[in-house]
Every structure is written in structure tokens, then in C-alpha cells.
Amino acid sequence: MAASVEVSARPVGDGWSAEVWVHDPRGRSRHRVTVSQPELLRYGRGRSVEELVRVSFEFLLQREPPSSILANFGLSTIERYFPEFAESI
């Protein structure tokens, strides 16, 4: 069974805060991701915040287990660890 990703985002200041639940055969993990307006414009390509975060987690889960994903991070942090992120999503 592949991991499933649930995302719930809410506006905070000039951006969003997304709560993410990842369910996979080994258990469940919770993450909080902040998305700024510039990050949504850079990575979103017309997607909603929720869809952008979901796609970003699918990208991460192809490269590492849920337990390796940071509990709290800003969306652009992914690109620091995976330089191909912007082009891949």
C-alpha cells in the first residue's frame, strides 16, 4: 500500500499554514508546512495551496520515508535538500 497524504491549509498572515497527515503501512506522521505567497507563485503553477503541498509530499515520499520528513518547515526548504524540486513538480 502506498502512502496517502491529507492536507488542510488555512491563511496565516500573508501566507498559509498547512497541516499534513501521511498514512503509510508503518504508521502515521503529522507535519506542518508554511507556504508564502511567493512560494505559491513559484511552485504552484495554478494549483491551490492544498494541492501544491500534496504534490510536494508525493515528491518527498518518492525520495525518503515519512519518518525522515521534517515535522515543521517552509515549502522552499525542500529545494535546499532536493535541488530538482522546482522542476520536478
PDB file of N, CA and C in Angstrom:
ATOM      1  N   MET A   1       0.841  -1.188   0.000  1.00  0.00           N
ATOM      2  CA  MET A   1       0.000   0.000   0.000  1.00  0.00           C
ATOM      3  C   MET A   1       0.884   1.248   0.000  1.00  0.00           C
ATOM      4  N   ALA A   2       0.615   2.158  -0.898  1.00  0.00           N
ATOM      5  CA  ALA A   2       1.369   3.407  -0.957  1.00  0.00           C
ATOM      6  C   ALA A   2       0.881   4.356   0.132  1.00  0.00           C
ATOM      7  N   ALA A   3       1.696   5.312   0.438  1.00  0.00           N
ATOM      8  CA  ALA A   3       1.327   6.309   1.450  1.00  0.00           C
ATOM      9  C   ALA A   3       0.220   7.199   0.912  1.00  0.00           C
ATOM     10  N   SER A   4      -0.660   7.617   1.803  1.00  0.00           N
ATOM     11  CA  SER A   4      -1.674   8.603   1.437  1.00  0.00           C
ATOM     12  C   SER A   4      -1.374   9.890   2.188  1.00  0.00           C
ATOM     13  N   VAL A   5      -1.734  11.004   1.592  1.00  0.00           N
ATOM     14  CA  VAL A   5      -1.418  12.319   2.136  1.00  0.00           C
ATOM     15  C   VAL A   5      -2.707  13.123   2.261  1.00  0.00           C
ATOM     16  N   GLU A   6      -2.968  13.633   3.465  1.00  0.00           N
ATOM     17  CA  GLU A   6      -4.116  14.508   3.699  1.00  0.00           C
ATOM     18  C   GLU A   6      -3.587  15.892   4.056  1.00  0.00           C
ATOM     19  N   VAL A   7      -4.147  16.914   3.440  1.00  0.00           N
ATOM     20  CA  VAL A   7      -3.673  18.282   3.649  1.00  0.00           C
ATOM     21  C   VAL A   7      -4.849  19.191   3.990  1.00  0.00           C
ATOM     22  N   SER A   8      -4.648  20.006   5.005  1.00  0.00           N
ATOM     23  CA  SER A   8      -5.616  21.033   5.376  1.00  0.00           C
ATOM     24  C   SER A   8      -4.842  22.334   5.563  1.00  0.00           C
ATOM     25  N   ALA A   9      -5.178  23.358   4.786  1.00  0.00           N
ATOM     26  CA  ALA A   9      -4.443  24.630   4.856  1.00  0.00           C
ATOM     27  C   ALA A   9      -5.369  25.750   5.291  1.00  0.00           C
ATOM     28  N   ARG A  10      -4.766  26.722   5.993  1.00  0.00           N
ATOM     29  CA  ARG A  10      -5.525  27.905   6.404  1.00  0.00           C
ATOM     30  C   ARG A  10      -4.633  29.127   6.237  1.00  0.00           C
ATOM     31  N   PRO A  11      -5.247  30.274   5.916  1.00  0.00           N
ATOM     32  CA  PRO A  11      -4.462  31.501   5.769  1.00  0.00           C
ATOM     33  C   PRO A  11      -3.863  31.927   7.105  1.00  0.00           C
ATOM     34  N   VAL A  12      -2.625  32.381   7.054  1.00  0.00           N
ATOM     35  CA  VAL A  12      -1.936  32.918   8.226  1.00  0.00           C
ATOM     36  C   VAL A  12      -1.076  34.074   7.727  1.00  0.00           C
ATOM     37  N   GLY A  13      -1.377  35.276   8.189  1.00  0.00           N
ATOM     38  CA  GLY A  13      -0.619  36.449   7.730  1.00  0.00           C
ATOM     39  C   GLY A  13      -0.742  36.601   6.228  1.00  0.00           C
ATOM     40  N   ASP A  14       0.410  36.694   5.547  1.00  0.00           N
ATOM     41  CA  ASP A  14       0.385  36.829   4.090  1.00  0.00           C
ATOM     42  C   ASP A  14       0.665  35.511   3.388  1.00  0.00           C
ATOM     43  N   GLY A  15       0.475  34.398   4.095  1.00  0.00           N
ATOM     44  CA  GLY A  15       0.694  33.076   3.520  1.00  0.00           C
ATOM     45  C   GLY A  15      -0.301  32.070   4.076  1.00  0.00           C
ATOM     46  N   TRP A  16       0.137  30.829   4.172  1.00  0.00           N
ATOM     47  CA  TRP A  16      -0.722  29.747   4.644  1.00  0.00           C
ATOM     48  C   TRP A  16       0.066  28.813   5.547  1.00  0.00           C
ATOM     49  N   SER A  17      -0.669  28.142   6.407  1.00  0.00           N
ATOM     50  CA  SER A  17      -0.118  27.076   7.235  1.00  0.00           C
ATOM     51  C   SER A  17      -0.892  25.810   6.883  1.00  0.00           C
ATOM     52  N   ALA A  18      -0.179  24.768   6.518  1.00  0.00           N
ATOM     53  CA  ALA A  18      -0.821  23.522   6.124  1.00  0.00           C
ATOM     54  C   ALA A  18      -0.477  22.433   7.119  1.00  0.00           C
ATOM     55  N   GLU A  19      -1.500  21.734   7.567  1.00  0.00           N
ATOM     56  CA  GLU A  19      -1.299  20.556   8.404  1.00  0.00           C
ATOM     57  C   GLU A  19      -1.378  19.356   7.462  1.00  0.00           C
ATOM     58  N   VAL A  20      -0.392  18.488   7.572  1.00  0.00           N
ATOM     59  CA  VAL A  20      -0.288  17.349   6.664  1.00  0.00           C
ATOM     60  C   VAL A  20      -0.219  16.065   7.477  1.00  0.00           C
ATOM     61  N   TRP A  21      -1.056  15.107   7.114  1.00  0.00           N
ATOM     62  CA  TRP A  21      -1.015  13.777   7.703  1.00  0.00           C
ATOM     63  C   TRP A  21      -0.584  12.804   6.616  1.00  0.00           C
ATOM     64  N   VAL A  22       0.438  12.010   6.915  1.00  0.00           N
ATOM     65  CA  VAL A  22       0.890  10.978   5.993  1.00  0.00           C
ATOM     66  C   VAL A  22       0.560   9.631   6.629  1.00  0.00           C
ATOM     67  N   HIS A  23      -0.179   8.813   5.903  1.00  0.00           N
ATOM     68  CA  HIS A  23      -0.531   7.469   6.359  1.00  0.00           C
ATOM     69  C   HIS A  23       0.196   6.484   5.456  1.00  0.00           C
ATOM     70  N   ASP A  24       0.969   5.595   6.054  1.00  0.00           N
ATOM     71  CA  ASP A  24       1.601   4.553   5.255  1.00  0.00           C
ATOM     72  C   ASP A  24       1.591   3.259   6.074  1.00  0.00           C
ATOM     73  N   PRO A  25       2.026   2.153   5.494  1.00  0.00           N
ATOM     74  CA  PRO A  25       1.943   0.876   6.202  1.00  0.00           C
ATOM     75  C   PRO A  25       2.648   0.860   7.560  1.00  0.00           C
ATOM     76  N   ARG A  26       3.619   1.725   7.756  1.00  0.00           N
ATOM     77  CA  ARG A  26       4.361   1.748   9.022  1.00  0.00           C
ATOM     78  C   ARG A  26       3.730   2.649  10.072  1.00  0.00           C
ATOM     79  N   GLY A  27       2.692   3.371   9.714  1.00  0.00           N
ATOM     80  CA  GLY A  27       2.061   4.258  10.684  1.00  0.00           C
ATOM     81  C   GLY A  27       1.652   5.580  10.087  1.00  0.00           C
ATOM     82  N   ARG A  28       1.543   6.561  10.955  1.00  0.00           N
ATOM     83  CA  ARG A  28       1.039   7.871  10.572  1.00  0.00           C
ATOM     84  C   ARG A  28       1.986   8.938  11.097  1.00  0.00           C
ATOM     85  N   SER A  29       2.179   9.992  10.314  1.00  0.00           N
ATOM     86  CA  SER A  29       3.011  11.104  10.774  1.00  0.00           C
ATOM     87  C   SER A  29       2.296  12.412  10.472  1.00  0.00           C
ATOM     88  N   ARG A  30       2.620  13.420  11.274  1.00  0.00           N
ATOM     89  CA  ARG A  30       1.995  14.742  11.131  1.00  0.00           C
ATOM     90  C   ARG A  30       3.081  15.773  10.859  1.00  0.00           C
ATOM     91  N   HIS A  31       2.792  16.690   9.975  1.00  0.00           N
ATOM     92  CA  HIS A  31       3.749  17.719   9.583  1.00  0.00           C
ATOM     93  C   HIS A  31       3.014  19.046   9.445  1.00  0.00           C
ATOM     94  N   ARG A  32       3.746  20.136   9.654  1.00  0.00           N
ATOM     95  CA  ARG A  32       3.196  21.472   9.430  1.00  0.00           C
ATOM     96  C   ARG A  32       4.116  22.183   8.438  1.00  0.00           C
ATOM     97  N   VAL A  33       3.504  22.686   7.373  1.00  0.00           N
ATOM     98  CA  VAL A  33       4.262  23.337   6.305  1.00  0.00           C
ATOM     99  C   VAL A  33       3.718  24.745   6.114  1.00  0.00           C
ATOM    100  N   THR A  34       4.606  25.718   6.090  1.00  0.00           N
ATOM    101  CA  THR A  34       4.187  27.080   5.777  1.00  0.00           C
ATOM    102  C   THR A  34       4.451  27.335   4.291  1.00  0.00           C
ATOM    103  N   VAL A  35       3.528  28.050   3.689  1.00  0.00           N
ATOM    104  CA  VAL A  35       3.641  28.397   2.274  1.00  0.00           C
ATOM    105  C   VAL A  35       3.430  29.902   2.168  1.00  0.00           C
ATOM    106  N   SER A  36       4.418  30.605   1.651  1.00  0.00           N
ATOM    107  CA  SER A  36       4.295  32.051   1.458  1.00  0.00           C
ATOM    108  C   SER A  36       3.679  32.321   0.088  1.00  0.00           C
ATOM    109  N   GLN A  37       3.221  33.536  -0.097  1.00  0.00           N
ATOM    110  CA  GLN A  37       2.674  33.931  -1.405  1.00  0.00           C
ATOM    111  C   GLN A  37       3.723  33.749  -2.507  1.00  0.00           C
ATOM    112  N   PRO A  38       4.995  34.180  -2.308  1.00  0.00           N
ATOM    113  CA  PRO A  38       6.000  33.954  -3.349  1.00  0.00           C
ATOM    114  C   PRO A  38       6.237  32.468  -3.633  1.00  0.00           C
ATOM    115  N   GLU A  39       6.162  31.612  -2.601  1.00  0.00           N
ATOM    116  CA  GLU A  39       6.342  30.167  -2.831  1.00  0.00           C
ATOM    117  C   GLU A  39       5.177  29.610  -3.652  1.00  0.00           C
ATOM    118  N   LEU A  40       3.966  30.066  -3.359  1.00  0.00           N
ATOM    119  CA  LEU A  40       2.811  29.612  -4.138  1.00  0.00           C
ATOM    120  C   LEU A  40       2.961  30.033  -5.601  1.00  0.00           C
ATOM    121  N   LEU A  41       3.423  31.242  -5.832  1.00  0.00           N
ATOM    122  CA  LEU A  41       3.633  31.712  -7.202  1.00  0.00           C
ATOM    123  C   LEU A  41       4.754  30.944  -7.895  1.00  0.00           C
ATOM    124  N   ARG A  42       5.825  30.656  -7.171  1.00  0.00           N
ATOM    125  CA  ARG A  42       6.973  29.967  -7.777  1.00  0.00           C
ATOM    126  C   ARG A  42       6.691  28.503  -8.087  1.00  0.00           C
ATOM    127  N   TYR A  43       6.105  27.793  -7.133  1.00  0.00           N
ATOM    128  CA  TYR A  43       5.942  26.347  -7.267  1.00  0.00           C
ATOM    129  C   TYR A  43       4.536  25.914  -7.671  1.00  0.00           C
ATOM    130  N   GLY A  44       3.545  26.771  -7.445  1.00  0.00           N
ATOM    131  CA  GLY A  44       2.152  26.361  -7.570  1.00  0.00           C
ATOM    132  C   GLY A  44       1.662  26.041  -8.969  1.00  0.00           C
ATOM    133  N   ARG A  45       2.076  26.829  -9.934  1.00  0.00           N
ATOM    134  CA  ARG A  45       1.640  26.625 -11.317  1.00  0.00           C
ATOM    135  C   ARG A  45       0.123  26.473 -11.419  1.00  0.00           C
ATOM    136  N   GLY A  46      -0.599  27.356 -10.733  1.00  0.00           N
ATOM    137  CA  GLY A  46      -2.047  27.363 -10.797  1.00  0.00           C
ATOM    138  C   GLY A  46      -2.744  26.441  -9.805  1.00  0.00           C
ATOM    139  N   ARG A  47      -1.985  25.723  -9.009  1.00  0.00           N
ATOM    140  CA  ARG A  47      -2.576  24.812  -8.025  1.00  0.00           C
ATOM    141  C   ARG A  47      -3.019  25.576  -6.784  1.00  0.00           C
ATOM    142  N   SER A  48      -3.957  24.983  -6.057  1.00  0.00           N
ATOM    143  CA  SER A  48      -4.321  25.509  -4.743  1.00  0.00           C
ATOM    144  C   SER A  48      -3.176  25.205  -3.774  1.00  0.00           C
ATOM    145  N   VAL A  49      -3.194  25.854  -2.632  1.00  0.00           N
ATOM    146  CA  VAL A  49      -2.173  25.591  -1.609  1.00  0.00           C
ATOM    147  C   VAL A  49      -2.207  24.113  -1.206  1.00  0.00           C
ATOM    148  N   GLU A  50      -3.414  23.580  -0.990  1.00  0.00           N
ATOM    149  CA  GLU A  50      -3.541  22.180  -0.577  1.00  0.00           C
ATOM    150  C   GLU A  50      -2.952  21.241  -1.620  1.00  0.00           C
ATOM    151  N   GLU A  51      -3.257  21.483  -2.890  1.00  0.00           N
ATOM    152  CA  GLU A  51      -2.738  20.618  -3.954  1.00  0.00           C
ATOM    153  C   GLU A  51      -1.221  20.754  -4.068  1.00  0.00           C
ATOM    154  N   LEU A  52      -0.698  21.963  -3.953  1.00  0.00           N
ATOM    155  CA  LEU A  52       0.745  22.164  -4.002  1.00  0.00           C
ATOM    156  C   LEU A  52       1.438  21.393  -2.878  1.00  0.00           C
ATOM    157  N   VAL A  53       0.920  21.474  -1.682  1.00  0.00           N
ATOM    158  CA  VAL A  53       1.532  20.762  -0.551  1.00  0.00           C
ATOM    159  C   VAL A  53       1.413  19.253  -0.763  1.00  0.00           C
ATOM    160  N   ARG A  54       0.275  18.785  -1.250  1.00  0.00           N
ATOM    161  CA  ARG A  54       0.096  17.348  -1.505  1.00  0.00           C
ATOM    162  C   ARG A  54       1.120  16.850  -2.529  1.00  0.00           C
ATOM    163  N   VAL A  55       1.255  17.565  -3.639  1.00  0.00           N
ATOM    164  CA  VAL A  55       2.220  17.189  -4.677  1.00  0.00           C
ATOM    165  C   VAL A  55       3.646  17.234  -4.119  1.00  0.00           C
ATOM    166  N   SER A  56       3.924  18.204  -3.270  1.00  0.00           N
ATOM    167  CA  SER A  56       5.254  18.323  -2.668  1.00  0.00           C
ATOM    168  C   SER A  56       5.556  17.115  -1.781  1.00  0.00           C
ATOM    169  N   PHE A  57       4.555  16.659  -1.036  1.00  0.00           N
ATOM    170  CA  PHE A  57       4.757  15.479  -0.194  1.00  0.00           C
ATOM    171  C   PHE A  57       4.897  14.216  -1.034  1.00  0.00           C
ATOM    172  N   GLU A  58       4.171  14.120  -2.128  1.00  0.00           N
ATOM    173  CA  GLU A  58       4.349  12.975  -3.022  1.00  0.00           C
ATOM    174  C   GLU A  58       5.779  12.957  -3.552  1.00  0.00           C
ATOM    175  N   PHE A  59       6.311  14.125  -3.893  1.00  0.00           N
ATOM    176  CA  PHE A  59       7.698  14.255  -4.326  1.00  0.00           C
ATOM    177  C   PHE A  59       8.639  13.749  -3.231  1.00  0.00           C
ATOM    178  N   LEU A  60       8.429  14.223  -2.002  1.00  0.00           N
ATOM    179  CA  LEU A  60       9.290  13.813  -0.894  1.00  0.00           C
ATOM    180  C   LEU A  60       9.206  12.315  -0.628  1.00  0.00           C
ATOM    181  N   LEU A  61       8.007  11.765  -0.661  1.00  0.00           N
ATOM    182  CA  LEU A  61       7.817  10.350  -0.346  1.00  0.00           C
ATOM    183  C   LEU A  61       8.428   9.424  -1.391  1.00  0.00           C
ATOM    184  N   GLN A  62       8.697   9.938  -2.579  1.00  0.00           N
ATOM    185  CA  GLN A  62       9.411   9.153  -3.589  1.00  0.00           C
ATOM    186  C   GLN A  62      10.899   9.086  -3.271  1.00  0.00           C
ATOM    187  N   ARG A  63      11.362   9.929  -2.360  1.00  0.00           N
ATOM    188  CA  ARG A  63      12.786  10.039  -2.062  1.00  0.00           C
ATOM    189  C   ARG A  63      13.166   9.647  -0.645  1.00  0.00           C
ATOM    190  N   GLU A  64      12.204   9.636   0.265  1.00  0.00           N
ATOM    191  CA  GLU A  64      12.513   9.311   1.658  1.00  0.00           C
ATOM    192  C   GLU A  64      11.270   8.828   2.385  1.00  0.00           C
ATOM    193  N   PRO A  65      11.462   8.087   3.477  1.00  0.00           N
ATOM    194  CA  PRO A  65      10.310   7.611   4.253  1.00  0.00           C
ATOM    195  C   PRO A  65       9.686   8.763   5.037  1.00  0.00           C
ATOM    196  N   PRO A  66       8.415   8.629   5.411  1.00  0.00           N
ATOM    197  CA  PRO A  66       7.743   9.700   6.159  1.00  0.00           C
ATOM    198  C   PRO A  66       8.490  10.107   7.427  1.00  0.00           C
ATOM    199  N   SER A  67       9.144   9.160   8.076  1.00  0.00           N
ATOM    200  CA  SER A  67       9.859   9.472   9.313  1.00  0.00           C
ATOM    201  C   SER A  67      11.053  10.401   9.087  1.00  0.00           C
ATOM    202  N   SER A  68      11.518  10.513   7.854  1.00  0.00           N
ATOM    203  CA  SER A  68      12.649  11.404   7.547  1.00  0.00           C
ATOM    204  C   SER A  68      12.224  12.815   7.173  1.00  0.00           C
ATOM    205  N   ILE A  69      10.937  13.028   6.956  1.00  0.00           N
ATOM    206  CA  ILE A  69      10.438  14.349   6.577  1.00  0.00           C
ATOM    207  C   ILE A  69      10.322  15.214   7.837  1.00  0.00           C
ATOM    208  N   LEU A  70      10.828  16.421   7.752  1.00  0.00           N
ATOM    209  CA  LEU A  70      10.786  17.344   8.889  1.00  0.00           C
ATOM    210  C   LEU A  70       9.360  17.540   9.391  1.00  0.00           C
ATOM    211  N   ALA A  71       9.211  17.747  10.691  1.00  0.00           N
ATOM    212  CA  ALA A  71       7.882  17.952  11.280  1.00  0.00           C
ATOM    213  C   ALA A  71       7.332  19.336  10.954  1.00  0.00           C
ATOM    214  N   ASN A  72       8.201  20.345  10.870  1.00  0.00           N
ATOM    215  CA  ASN A  72       7.809  21.729  10.587  1.00  0.00           C
ATOM    216  C   ASN A  72       8.813  22.330   9.616  1.00  0.00           C
ATOM    217  N   PHE A  73       8.318  22.896   8.519  1.00  0.00           N
ATOM    218  CA  PHE A  73       9.230  23.528   7.573  1.00  0.00           C
ATOM    219  C   PHE A  73       8.478  24.435   6.617  1.00  0.00           C
ATOM    220  N   GLY A  74       9.208  25.343   6.011  1.00  0.00           N
ATOM    221  CA  GLY A  74       8.685  26.185   4.945  1.00  0.00           C
ATOM    222  C   GLY A  74       8.850  25.444   3.630  1.00  0.00           C
ATOM    223  N   LEU A  75       7.933  25.616   2.707  1.00  0.00           N
ATOM    224  CA  LEU A  75       7.933  24.843   1.470  1.00  0.00           C
ATOM    225  C   LEU A  75       9.251  24.916   0.705  1.00  0.00           C
ATOM    226  N   SER A  76       9.860  26.095   0.635  1.00  0.00           N
ATOM    227  CA  SER A  76      11.104  26.222  -0.139  1.00  0.00           C
ATOM    228  C   SER A  76      12.274  25.462   0.486  1.00  0.00           C
ATOM    229  N   THR A  77      12.122  25.010   1.727  1.00  0.00           N
ATOM    230  CA  THR A  77      13.161  24.191   2.363  1.00  0.00           C
ATOM    231  C   THR A  77      13.413  22.920   1.554  1.00  0.00           C
ATOM    232  N   ILE A  78      12.383  22.405   0.908  1.00  0.00           N
ATOM    233  CA  ILE A  78      12.532  21.175   0.123  1.00  0.00           C
ATOM    234  C   ILE A  78      13.618  21.348  -0.929  1.00  0.00           C
ATOM    235  N   GLU A  79      13.649  22.515  -1.570  1.00  0.00           N
ATOM    236  CA  GLU A  79      14.618  22.748  -2.642  1.00  0.00           C
ATOM    237  C   GLU A  79      16.059  22.774  -2.129  1.00  0.00           C
ATOM    238  N   ARG A  80      16.249  23.117  -0.858  1.00  0.00           N
ATOM    239  CA  ARG A  80      17.602  23.079  -0.288  1.00  0.00           C
ATOM    240  C   ARG A  80      18.124  21.655  -0.211  1.00  0.00           C
ATOM    241  N   TYR A  81      17.244  20.709   0.088  1.00  0.00           N
ATOM    242  CA  TYR A  81      17.627  19.301   0.178  1.00  0.00           C
ATOM    243  C   TYR A  81      17.586  18.600  -1.177  1.00  0.00           C
ATOM    244  N   PHE A  82      16.657  19.018  -2.021  1.00  0.00           N
ATOM    245  CA  PHE A  82      16.457  18.410  -3.336  1.00  0.00           C
ATOM    246  C   PHE A  82      16.403  19.513  -4.387  1.00  0.00           C
ATOM    247  N   PRO A  83      17.538  19.879  -4.979  1.00  0.00           N
ATOM    248  CA  PRO A  83      17.585  20.991  -5.932  1.00  0.00           C
ATOM    249  C   PRO A  83      16.657  20.804  -7.137  1.00  0.00           C
ATOM    250  N   GLU A  84      16.291  19.571  -7.451  1.00  0.00           N
ATOM    251  CA  GLU A  84      15.419  19.306  -8.600  1.00  0.00           C
ATOM    252  C   GLU A  84      13.942  19.555  -8.292  1.00  0.00           C
ATOM    253  N   PHE A  85      13.611  19.914  -7.056  1.00  0.00           N
ATOM    254  CA  PHE A  85      12.225  20.064  -6.636  1.00  0.00           C
ATOM    255  C   PHE A  85      11.420  20.987  -7.536  1.00  0.00           C
ATOM    256  N   ALA A  86      11.905  22.181  -7.802  1.00  0.00           N
ATOM    257  CA  ALA A  86      11.136  23.168  -8.586  1.00  0.00           C
ATOM    258  C   ALA A  86      10.783  22.642  -9.963  1.00  0.00           C
ATOM    259  N   GLU A  87      11.706  21.950 -10.596  1.00  0.00           N
ATOM    260  CA  GLU A  87      11.450  21.437 -11.946  1.00  0.00           C
ATOM    261  C   GLU A  87      10.608  20.172 -11.922  1.00  0.00           C
ATOM    262  N   SER A  88      10.708  19.395 -10.847  1.00  0.00           N
ATOM    263  CA  SER A  88      10.037  18.091 -10.793  1.00  0.00           C
ATOM    264  C   SER A  88       8.544  18.183 -10.506  1.00  0.00           C
ATOM    265  N   ILE A  89       8.121  19.235  -9.821  1.00  0.00           N
ATOM    266  CA  ILE A  89       6.697  19.308  -9.518  1.00  0.00           C
ATOM    267  C   ILE A  89       6.019  20.202 -10.531  1.00  0.00           C
TER     268      ILE A  89
END
